Amino acid sequence: KTWQPGNVTIETTMGSVVVELYWRHAPTTCRNFAELARRGYYNGVKFHRIIKDFMIQGGDPTGTGRGGASIYGKEFDDEIHSDLKHTGAGILSMANSGPDTNGSQFFITLAPTQWLDGKHTIFGRISSGMTTIQRIGLVEVDNGDRPVDD
């Protein structure tokens, strides 16, 4: 059977976060995220875009918001399901630059973001550590939504 961990732990400078992965809905996306995490790809990678009461975005080893690659090469297709919605805080979803442009970057919602439904692949949720996510969402940022301190 293919390796499919139900949870992945993300260690941040503000604490640990455990995410539950939605393998049934987004197997390609979950495999990418879990394998990048297993390889240590996300180690030391910061949340480079933080917008209070909206979301925190990470997964780019360059820290610019323009980098990162998937385990499949540069980009892979969306896995969007109408029964998964950005209904509240703690939704794990892929960042992209348009349809079928998934790489390594992801975001975690801090509030309902229904305007993102159908545009971003939802592939999990925070199962433990939501307080850490909320604290990250409150860090001081510059006018480009980038954290002032690493």
Protein backbone atom coordinates (compact mmCIF):
# COMPACT_ATOMS: atom_id res chain seq x y z
CA LYS A 1 0.00 0.00 0.00
CA THR A 2 1.15 3.50 -0.76
CA TRP A 3 2.53 5.58 2.10
CA GLN A 4 -0.31 7.85 3.28
CA PRO A 5 0.29 9.42 6.69
CA GLY A 6 -2.97 10.70 8.15
CA ASN A 7 -1.22 13.59 9.87
CA VAL A 8 1.88 15.68 9.29
CA THR A 9 3.50 17.79 12.01
CA ILE A 10 4.86 21.22 11.13
CA GLU A 11 7.42 22.63 13.57
CA THR A 12 7.37 26.42 13.65
CA THR A 13 9.40 28.89 15.71
CA MET A 14 6.16 29.57 17.60
CA GLY A 15 5.20 25.94 18.25
CA SER A 16 4.12 22.67 16.65
CA VAL A 17 1.12 22.29 14.39
CA VAL A 18 -0.46 18.99 13.35
CA VAL A 19 -2.37 18.87 10.08
CA GLU A 20 -4.84 16.18 9.08
CA LEU A 21 -4.54 15.35 5.39
CA TYR A 22 -7.55 14.71 3.13
CA TRP A 23 -6.18 11.80 1.08
CA ARG A 24 -9.62 10.78 -0.21
CA HIS A 25 -10.23 14.16 -1.83
CA ALA A 26 -6.73 15.27 -2.83
CA PRO A 27 -4.31 12.31 -3.02
CA THR A 28 -1.84 13.98 -5.40
CA THR A 29 -1.69 17.13 -3.27
CA CYS A 30 -1.44 15.20 0.01
CA ARG A 31 1.38 13.04 -1.38
CA ASN A 32 3.26 16.16 -2.48
CA PHE A 33 2.89 17.88 0.91
CA ALA A 34 3.66 14.78 3.01
CA GLU A 35 6.68 13.84 0.92
CA LEU A 36 8.11 17.39 0.92
CA ALA A 37 7.68 17.44 4.70
CA ARG A 38 9.30 14.00 5.06
CA ARG A 39 12.28 15.13 2.97
CA GLY A 40 12.76 18.19 5.21
CA TYR A 41 11.91 20.55 2.34
CA TYR A 42 9.89 22.80 4.64
CA ASN A 43 12.48 22.85 7.46
CA GLY A 44 13.38 26.44 8.33
CA VAL A 45 10.94 27.81 5.75
CA LYS A 46 9.04 30.82 7.02
CA PHE A 47 5.47 31.91 6.55
CA HIS A 48 6.38 34.67 4.09
CA ARG A 49 2.89 36.16 3.68
CA ILE A 50 0.66 36.89 6.65
CA ILE A 51 -2.63 38.72 6.40
CA LYS A 52 -4.46 39.24 9.69
CA ASP A 53 -7.93 37.66 9.83
CA PHE A 54 -7.36 36.05 6.40
CA MET A 55 -4.49 33.55 6.09
CA ILE A 56 -0.82 32.67 6.56
CA GLN A 57 1.15 31.40 3.56
CA GLY A 58 4.33 29.34 3.52
CA GLY A 59 6.13 26.54 1.74
CA ASP A 60 8.52 28.63 -0.37
CA PRO A 61 12.16 27.86 0.48
CA THR A 62 13.25 31.13 -1.15
CA GLY A 63 10.97 33.09 1.20
CA THR A 64 9.91 35.36 -1.67
CA GLY A 65 6.55 33.87 -2.59
CA ARG A 66 7.87 33.12 -6.07
CA GLY A 67 9.78 29.89 -5.39
CA GLY A 68 9.23 26.27 -4.61
CA ALA A 69 8.60 23.12 -6.59
CA SER A 70 6.50 20.01 -6.18
CA ILE A 71 7.75 16.43 -5.99
CA TYR A 72 6.33 16.00 -9.50
CA GLY A 73 8.44 18.71 -11.12
CA LYS A 74 7.43 22.35 -11.36
CA GLU A 75 3.63 22.38 -11.07
CA PHE A 76 0.70 19.97 -10.81
CA ASP A 77 -3.05 20.06 -11.37
CA ASP A 78 -5.74 21.18 -8.94
CA GLU A 79 -7.87 18.67 -7.05
CA ILE A 80 -10.92 20.78 -6.30
CA HIS A 81 -14.04 19.25 -4.76
CA SER A 82 -17.32 21.10 -4.30
CA ASP A 83 -17.90 19.44 -0.92
CA LEU A 84 -14.71 20.99 0.54
CA LYS A 85 -14.98 24.70 1.29
CA HIS A 86 -12.95 27.40 3.02
CA THR A 87 -15.54 27.58 5.81
CA GLY A 88 -13.42 28.87 8.67
CA ALA A 89 -10.03 29.04 10.34
CA GLY A 90 -7.63 26.13 10.04
CA ILE A 91 -8.21 25.01 6.45
CA LEU A 92 -5.04 23.83 4.66
CA SER A 93 -5.08 24.76 0.99
CA MET A 94 -2.63 25.10 -1.89
CA ALA A 95 -1.39 28.53 -2.93
CA ASN A 96 -1.27 29.00 -6.68
CA SER A 97 -0.94 31.57 -9.45
CA GLY A 98 -3.95 30.33 -11.40
CA PRO A 99 -5.52 27.01 -12.38
CA ASP A 100 -3.26 23.93 -12.17
CA THR A 101 -0.18 25.78 -10.89
CA ASN A 102 0.41 23.97 -7.58
CA GLY A 103 3.98 23.61 -6.32
CA SER A 104 5.13 23.61 -2.69
CA GLN A 105 3.38 26.69 -1.34
CA PHE A 106 0.33 26.37 0.87
CA PHE A 107 -1.80 28.55 3.10
CA ILE A 108 -3.80 28.09 6.27
CA THR A 109 -6.95 30.13 6.73
CA LEU A 110 -7.51 32.35 9.76
CA ALA A 111 -11.21 32.95 8.98
CA PRO A 112 -13.86 31.92 6.43
CA THR A 113 -12.59 32.68 2.90
CA GLN A 114 -15.44 31.47 0.70
CA TRP A 115 -14.26 33.53 -2.31
CA LEU A 116 -11.37 31.03 -2.60
CA ASP A 117 -13.72 28.04 -3.03
CA GLY A 118 -13.20 26.38 -6.40
CA LYS A 119 -9.90 28.23 -6.96
CA HIS A 120 -7.56 26.48 -4.49
CA THR A 121 -7.13 22.80 -3.63
CA ILE A 122 -8.16 22.12 -0.04
CA PHE A 123 -6.16 19.15 1.19
CA GLY A 124 -6.36 19.20 4.97
CA ARG A 125 -7.06 21.02 8.19
CA ILE A 126 -5.32 21.90 11.42
CA SER A 127 -6.06 19.13 13.93
CA SER A 128 -3.80 20.45 16.69
CA GLY A 129 -1.96 23.73 17.20
CA MET A 130 -4.57 26.21 16.01
CA THR A 131 -3.44 28.61 18.76
CA THR A 132 0.02 28.61 17.16
CA ILE A 133 -1.52 29.38 13.75
CA GLN A 134 -3.51 32.25 15.29
CA ARG A 135 -0.36 33.66 16.93
CA ILE A 136 1.53 33.51 13.63
CA GLY A 137 -1.40 35.37 12.06
CA LEU A 138 -0.85 38.26 14.50
CA VAL A 139 2.86 38.91 13.87
CA GLU A 140 3.91 42.36 12.71
CA VAL A 141 4.15 42.64 8.92
CA ASP A 142 5.36 45.28 6.48
CA ASN A 143 3.15 46.86 3.82
CA GLY A 144 3.80 43.82 1.59
CA ASP A 145 2.30 41.41 4.18
CA ARG A 146 5.79 40.05 4.95
CA PRO A 147 6.81 39.40 8.57
CA VAL A 148 9.04 42.15 9.97
CA ASP A 149 11.07 39.57 11.95
CA ASP A 150 12.09 36.13 10.68
